[in-house]
Amino acid sequence: MNTRPTLSMYCLAAGLLVLLAGCTAIAGRAGDRFAGQLGDAVYNSNDPATVRDGLPAYLLLIDALVQGQTPGKRGNAPLLFAAAGLNGAYAGSFTGDDAVRAQRLSAKALDYARRGTCLRNAGLCDAMPGPVDAFQAQVAAAPADDIQTLYALGAAWAGYLQAHRDDWAAIADLPKVQALLERVAGIDPGHDRGMVRVYLGVLHSLRPESVGGRPELGREHFEAAIAQSRGRNLYAKVLMAETYARLVYDQPLHDRLLAEVLAAEPAEPGLTLMNVLAQERAHALVASGREFF
């Protein structure tokens, strides 16, 4: 199991839902029910190994579906975003210590998200490789109904930065990723069950304030996400401990958050899988914390 902090798993069930809804459209209501039921089964699984072992089949399936699309159609975007979510989820949570594989899959996820973005918002697409201020202007100009595009691109890009965190050229794009996710939070602060706030919490806690980070803003985002779930999103607490609390050397906060995670009952509708993963991560952080502080 991957021991690195990960955000990508939160895209998993959403990606499965979009994928299966497309695959089963010809089956009508029965197909829609199956898509929803599979997504629920993933969210509510208490066995990450089963999800890890089953997901590669869907990666191959969705790659085949993408290859079968007629190029250039705006309607291709949802499937491309689902492909981005699934590949990013696997890269971030199930590649273990294989950094090369994580980088390969996260790059594919970002490419899918970029392709979907280009079909939905040409200005944003063209600005991706350019200066930060020009990109931020395109993000600010994006209409509110572009929220799916903004979030899919921001989430995939965040996963790419995680996998390429030793590449300074990749990290230079961090302000662009923050701009995307801040725009999403501005449109809908509770988007994706509040997970947009967790992404922002991590991104603002990557660097100390002395070199341009905004860890206290990161803490605000974490606390908002935790409050929205009434404390039941255990992974938000784990990521707050690992990124924010360690960055500012707040051992009491770090230890309290991890103790709360380990003492909690992980079963929670829609969050069980992530909560089990959070508890696995918390055990590792408790052990490494003895040397860190």
Protein backbone atom coordinates (compact mmCIF):
# COMPACT_ATOMS: atom_id res chain seq x y z
CA MET A 1 0.00 0.00 0.00
CA ASN A 2 1.21 3.48 -0.83
CA THR A 3 2.59 5.25 2.21
CA ARG A 4 2.74 8.68 0.58
CA PRO A 5 0.00 11.20 1.34
CA THR A 6 -2.54 10.99 -1.46
CA LEU A 7 -5.45 13.01 -2.73
CA SER A 8 -6.23 11.03 -5.83
CA MET A 9 -8.35 8.33 -4.21
CA TYR A 10 -11.16 10.83 -3.81
CA CYS A 11 -11.65 10.80 -7.59
CA LEU A 12 -12.13 7.04 -7.69
CA ALA A 13 -15.82 6.49 -7.14
CA ALA A 14 -16.79 9.55 -9.14
CA GLY A 15 -14.73 8.26 -12.05
CA LEU A 16 -16.34 4.85 -11.83
CA LEU A 17 -19.79 6.38 -11.78
CA VAL A 18 -19.17 8.44 -14.92
CA LEU A 19 -17.49 5.52 -16.68
CA LEU A 20 -20.16 2.97 -15.94
CA ALA A 21 -22.97 5.39 -16.67
CA GLY A 22 -21.52 5.78 -20.16
CA CYS A 23 -20.86 2.06 -20.63
CA THR A 24 -24.35 1.05 -19.59
CA ALA A 25 -26.40 3.80 -21.17
CA ILE A 26 -27.89 1.38 -23.67
CA ALA A 27 -29.25 -0.67 -20.78
CA GLY A 28 -31.40 2.21 -19.56
CA ARG A 29 -32.45 2.43 -15.96
CA ALA A 30 -30.94 -0.92 -15.03
CA GLY A 31 -27.54 0.31 -16.22
CA ASP A 32 -27.89 3.57 -14.31
CA ARG A 33 -28.73 1.64 -11.16
CA PHE A 34 -25.70 -0.59 -11.63
CA ALA A 35 -23.42 2.41 -12.10
CA GLY A 36 -24.72 3.97 -8.90
CA GLN A 37 -24.52 0.73 -6.98
CA LEU A 38 -20.93 0.09 -8.06
CA GLY A 39 -19.91 3.58 -7.00
CA ASP A 40 -21.55 3.02 -3.62
CA ALA A 41 -19.80 -0.33 -3.27
CA VAL A 42 -16.42 1.31 -3.87
CA TYR A 43 -17.06 4.15 -1.44
CA ASN A 44 -18.33 1.75 1.22
CA SER A 45 -15.72 -1.00 0.85
CA ASN A 46 -13.67 -1.72 3.94
CA ASP A 47 -11.06 -3.67 1.95
CA PRO A 48 -8.76 -1.40 -0.09
CA ALA A 49 -6.95 -4.45 -1.52
CA THR A 50 -10.10 -5.54 -3.34
CA VAL A 51 -10.43 -2.11 -4.93
CA ARG A 52 -6.72 -2.08 -5.78
CA ASP A 53 -6.93 -5.48 -7.48
CA GLY A 54 -10.15 -4.73 -9.36
CA LEU A 55 -9.42 -1.24 -10.63
CA PRO A 56 -6.88 -2.12 -13.38
CA ALA A 57 -9.63 -3.79 -15.41
CA TYR A 58 -11.51 -0.50 -15.49
CA LEU A 59 -8.36 1.39 -16.45
CA LEU A 60 -8.05 -0.80 -19.54
CA LEU A 61 -11.76 -0.51 -20.28
CA ILE A 62 -11.82 3.25 -20.09
CA ASP A 63 -8.65 3.53 -22.20
CA ALA A 64 -10.40 1.47 -24.88
CA LEU A 65 -13.50 3.66 -24.71
CA VAL A 66 -11.43 6.83 -25.04
CA GLN A 67 -9.61 5.39 -28.05
CA GLY A 68 -12.97 4.71 -29.67
CA GLN A 69 -14.18 8.30 -29.40
CA THR A 70 -14.63 10.45 -32.49
CA PRO A 71 -11.93 13.15 -32.07
CA GLY A 72 -12.91 16.74 -31.40
CA LYS A 73 -16.43 16.23 -30.04
CA ARG A 74 -17.35 18.33 -27.00
CA GLY A 75 -19.37 15.41 -25.70
CA ASN A 76 -16.16 13.41 -25.27
CA ALA A 77 -15.18 15.45 -22.22
CA PRO A 78 -17.06 13.55 -19.47
CA LEU A 79 -15.43 10.25 -20.42
CA LEU A 80 -12.02 11.93 -20.58
CA PHE A 81 -12.58 13.38 -17.10
CA ALA A 82 -13.63 9.96 -15.81
CA ALA A 83 -10.44 8.50 -17.32
CA ALA A 84 -8.42 11.20 -15.59
CA GLY A 85 -10.04 10.44 -12.25
CA LEU A 86 -9.52 6.68 -12.45
CA ASN A 87 -5.89 6.86 -13.56
CA GLY A 88 -5.14 9.54 -10.98
CA ALA A 89 -6.78 7.47 -8.26
CA TYR A 90 -4.69 4.44 -9.04
CA ALA A 91 -1.49 6.47 -9.38
CA GLY A 92 -2.00 8.16 -6.03
CA SER A 93 -3.15 5.25 -3.93
CA PHE A 94 -2.20 1.90 -5.36
CA THR A 95 1.23 2.11 -6.97
CA GLY A 96 3.10 1.49 -3.71
CA ASP A 97 6.75 2.49 -3.86
CA ASP A 98 6.86 2.34 -7.66
CA ALA A 99 7.47 6.05 -8.27
CA VAL A 100 7.97 5.57 -12.02
CA ARG A 101 4.59 3.91 -12.40
CA ALA A 102 2.92 6.60 -10.32
CA GLN A 103 4.47 9.26 -12.53
CA ARG A 104 3.40 7.47 -15.71
CA LEU A 105 -0.23 7.06 -14.61
CA SER A 106 -0.51 10.57 -13.19
CA ALA A 107 0.85 11.98 -16.45
CA LYS A 108 -1.80 10.02 -18.35
CA ALA A 109 -4.46 11.33 -15.98
CA LEU A 110 -3.34 14.91 -16.54
CA ASP A 111 -3.32 14.39 -20.31
CA TYR A 112 -6.89 13.09 -20.24
CA ALA A 113 -7.97 16.06 -18.12
CA ARG A 114 -6.17 18.47 -20.46
CA ARG A 115 -7.87 16.93 -23.50
CA GLY A 116 -11.26 17.23 -21.88
CA THR A 117 -10.53 20.84 -20.92
CA CYS A 118 -9.56 21.68 -24.50
CA LEU A 119 -12.97 20.44 -25.66
CA ARG A 120 -14.81 22.51 -23.06
CA ASN A 121 -12.76 25.72 -22.70
CA ALA A 122 -10.33 26.61 -25.48
CA GLY A 123 -8.97 29.68 -23.70
CA LEU A 124 -8.07 27.71 -20.60
CA CYS A 125 -6.53 24.99 -22.73
CA ASP A 126 -4.33 27.42 -24.66
CA ALA A 127 -3.19 29.14 -21.46
CA MET A 128 -2.02 25.96 -19.69
CA PRO A 129 1.61 26.05 -20.87
CA GLY A 130 1.88 29.85 -20.67
CA PRO A 131 2.57 32.39 -17.91
CA VAL A 132 0.84 32.04 -14.56
CA ASP A 133 -0.94 35.39 -14.74
CA ALA A 134 -2.44 34.65 -18.17
CA PHE A 135 -3.65 31.27 -16.95
CA GLN A 136 -5.12 32.77 -13.78
CA ALA A 137 -7.01 35.29 -15.91
CA GLN A 138 -8.55 32.46 -17.94
CA VAL A 139 -9.53 30.64 -14.76
CA ALA A 140 -11.15 33.77 -13.34
CA ALA A 141 -13.07 34.27 -16.58
CA ALA A 142 -14.41 30.70 -16.68
CA PRO A 143 -18.18 30.62 -16.12
CA ALA A 144 -19.59 28.91 -13.05
CA ASP A 145 -21.04 26.12 -15.15
CA ASP A 146 -17.47 25.14 -16.09
CA ILE A 147 -16.95 23.83 -12.55
CA GLN A 148 -16.63 20.19 -13.71
CA THR A 149 -13.85 21.16 -16.11
CA LEU A 150 -12.02 23.29 -13.55
CA TYR A 151 -12.20 20.60 -10.89
CA ALA A 152 -11.22 17.70 -13.15
CA LEU A 153 -8.17 19.59 -14.41
CA GLY A 154 -7.21 20.86 -10.94
CA ALA A 155 -7.52 17.42 -9.32
CA ALA A 156 -5.53 15.66 -12.04
CA TRP A 157 -2.85 18.35 -11.99
CA ALA A 158 -2.58 18.13 -8.19
CA GLY A 159 -2.04 14.37 -8.49
CA TYR A 160 0.62 14.97 -11.13
CA LEU A 161 2.47 17.38 -8.85
CA GLN A 162 2.31 14.84 -6.03
CA ALA A 163 3.92 12.18 -8.21
CA HIS A 164 6.49 14.64 -9.62
CA ARG A 165 7.19 16.56 -6.41
CA ASP A 166 10.96 16.33 -6.96
CA ASP A 167 10.65 18.00 -10.37
CA TRP A 168 11.00 21.75 -9.90
CA ALA A 169 9.63 22.42 -13.38
CA ALA A 170 6.43 20.61 -12.42
CA ILE A 171 6.21 22.33 -9.02
CA ALA A 172 6.45 25.70 -10.76
CA ASP A 173 2.88 25.08 -11.94
CA LEU A 174 1.57 24.98 -8.36
CA PRO A 175 0.00 28.50 -8.60
CA LYS A 176 -1.99 27.35 -11.63
CA VAL A 177 -3.37 24.35 -9.75
CA GLN A 178 -4.25 26.53 -6.78
CA ALA A 179 -6.04 28.98 -9.07
CA LEU A 180 -8.20 26.19 -10.49
CA LEU A 181 -9.19 24.78 -7.11
CA GLU A 182 -9.74 28.19 -5.51
CA ARG A 183 -12.10 29.05 -8.37
CA VAL A 184 -14.00 25.82 -7.75
CA ALA A 185 -14.22 26.59 -4.02
CA GLY A 186 -15.42 30.09 -4.86
CA ILE A 187 -18.23 28.69 -6.98
CA ASP A 188 -19.15 25.88 -4.58
CA PRO A 189 -17.27 25.69 -1.24
CA GLY A 190 -18.68 22.20 -0.60
CA HIS A 191 -17.85 20.78 -4.01
CA ASP A 192 -17.14 17.03 -4.09
CA ARG A 193 -18.28 16.55 -0.50
CA GLY A 194 -15.91 19.33 0.56
CA MET A 195 -12.87 17.62 -0.94
CA VAL A 196 -11.91 20.74 -2.88
CA ARG A 197 -11.07 22.25 0.51
CA VAL A 198 -8.82 19.27 1.35
CA TYR A 199 -6.93 19.72 -1.92
CA LEU A 200 -6.41 23.39 -1.07
CA GLY A 201 -5.37 22.55 2.47
CA VAL A 202 -2.61 20.31 1.17
CA LEU A 203 -1.46 22.69 -1.57
CA HIS A 204 -1.19 25.65 0.80
CA SER A 205 0.74 23.50 3.29
CA LEU A 206 3.43 22.29 0.91
CA ARG A 207 5.80 25.18 1.67
CA PRO A 208 6.52 27.24 4.80
CA GLU A 209 5.41 30.86 4.86
CA SER A 210 9.02 32.02 4.55
CA VAL A 211 9.20 30.70 0.97
CA GLY A 212 5.75 31.64 -0.22
CA GLY A 213 3.51 29.04 1.40
CA ARG A 214 0.27 29.94 3.19
CA PRO A 215 -0.02 27.21 5.84
CA GLU A 216 -2.56 29.08 7.97
CA LEU A 217 -4.86 29.33 4.97
CA GLY A 218 -4.25 25.63 4.49
CA ARG A 219 -5.38 25.01 8.06
CA GLU A 220 -8.58 26.96 7.41
CA HIS A 221 -9.36 24.78 4.41
CA PHE A 222 -8.71 21.57 6.36
CA GLU A 223 -10.90 22.69 9.25
CA ALA A 224 -13.72 23.64 6.87
CA ALA A 225 -13.59 20.21 5.22
CA ILE A 226 -13.56 18.42 8.58
CA ALA A 227 -16.46 20.49 9.85
CA GLN A 228 -18.50 19.80 6.73
CA SER A 229 -18.21 16.05 7.36
CA ARG A 230 -18.86 16.53 11.09
CA GLY A 231 -15.44 15.01 11.73
CA ARG A 232 -16.18 11.81 9.80
CA ASN A 233 -13.75 12.48 6.93
CA LEU A 234 -10.75 10.83 8.56
CA TYR A 235 -8.45 11.35 5.61
CA ALA A 236 -8.88 15.11 5.90
CA LYS A 237 -7.55 14.81 9.45
CA VAL A 238 -4.64 12.61 8.38
CA LEU A 239 -3.60 15.00 5.63
CA MET A 240 -3.90 17.95 7.99
CA ALA A 241 -1.59 16.17 10.44
CA GLU A 242 0.92 15.17 7.78
CA THR A 243 1.09 18.38 5.78
CA TYR A 244 0.05 21.30 7.99
CA ALA A 245 0.95 20.09 11.51
CA ARG A 246 4.35 18.77 10.47
CA LEU A 247 5.12 21.85 8.40
CA VAL A 248 4.59 24.17 11.39
CA TYR A 249 5.94 21.63 13.92
CA ASP A 250 2.71 21.50 15.90
CA GLN A 251 3.14 18.14 17.61
CA PRO A 252 0.09 18.41 19.92
CA LEU A 253 -2.19 19.02 16.92
CA HIS A 254 -0.46 16.28 14.92
CA ASP A 255 -0.83 13.71 17.68
CA ARG A 256 -4.42 14.71 18.52
CA LEU A 257 -5.59 14.39 14.93
CA LEU A 258 -3.98 10.98 14.49
CA ALA A 259 -5.38 9.74 17.81
CA GLU A 260 -8.87 10.82 16.72
CA VAL A 261 -8.47 8.97 13.43
CA LEU A 262 -7.28 5.76 15.07
CA ALA A 263 -10.04 5.85 17.69
CA ALA A 264 -12.82 6.44 15.17
CA GLU A 265 -15.16 3.86 13.68
CA PRO A 266 -14.24 3.90 9.97
CA ALA A 267 -17.62 2.77 8.66
CA GLU A 268 -19.44 5.81 7.29
CA PRO A 269 -21.73 5.90 4.25
CA GLY A 270 -19.70 7.20 1.32
CA LEU A 271 -16.44 7.45 3.27
CA THR A 272 -15.62 3.96 4.51
CA LEU A 273 -12.89 3.15 1.98
CA MET A 274 -11.14 6.45 2.54
CA ASN A 275 -11.45 6.13 6.30
CA VAL A 276 -9.83 2.67 6.28
CA LEU A 277 -6.99 4.06 4.15
CA ALA A 278 -6.73 7.00 6.56
CA GLN A 279 -6.29 4.71 9.52
CA GLU A 280 -3.58 2.75 7.70
CA ARG A 281 -1.80 6.02 6.99
CA ALA A 282 -2.26 7.23 10.57
CA HIS A 283 -0.48 4.18 11.98
CA ALA A 284 2.54 4.95 9.77
CA LEU A 285 2.52 8.62 10.78
CA VAL A 286 2.39 7.81 14.49
CA ALA A 287 5.51 5.66 14.07
CA SER A 288 7.42 8.19 11.99
CA GLY A 289 6.30 11.06 14.22
CA ARG A 290 8.49 9.82 17.03
CA GLU A 291 11.53 10.70 14.94
CA PHE A 292 10.09 13.73 13.19
CA PHE A 293 9.40 15.84 16.30
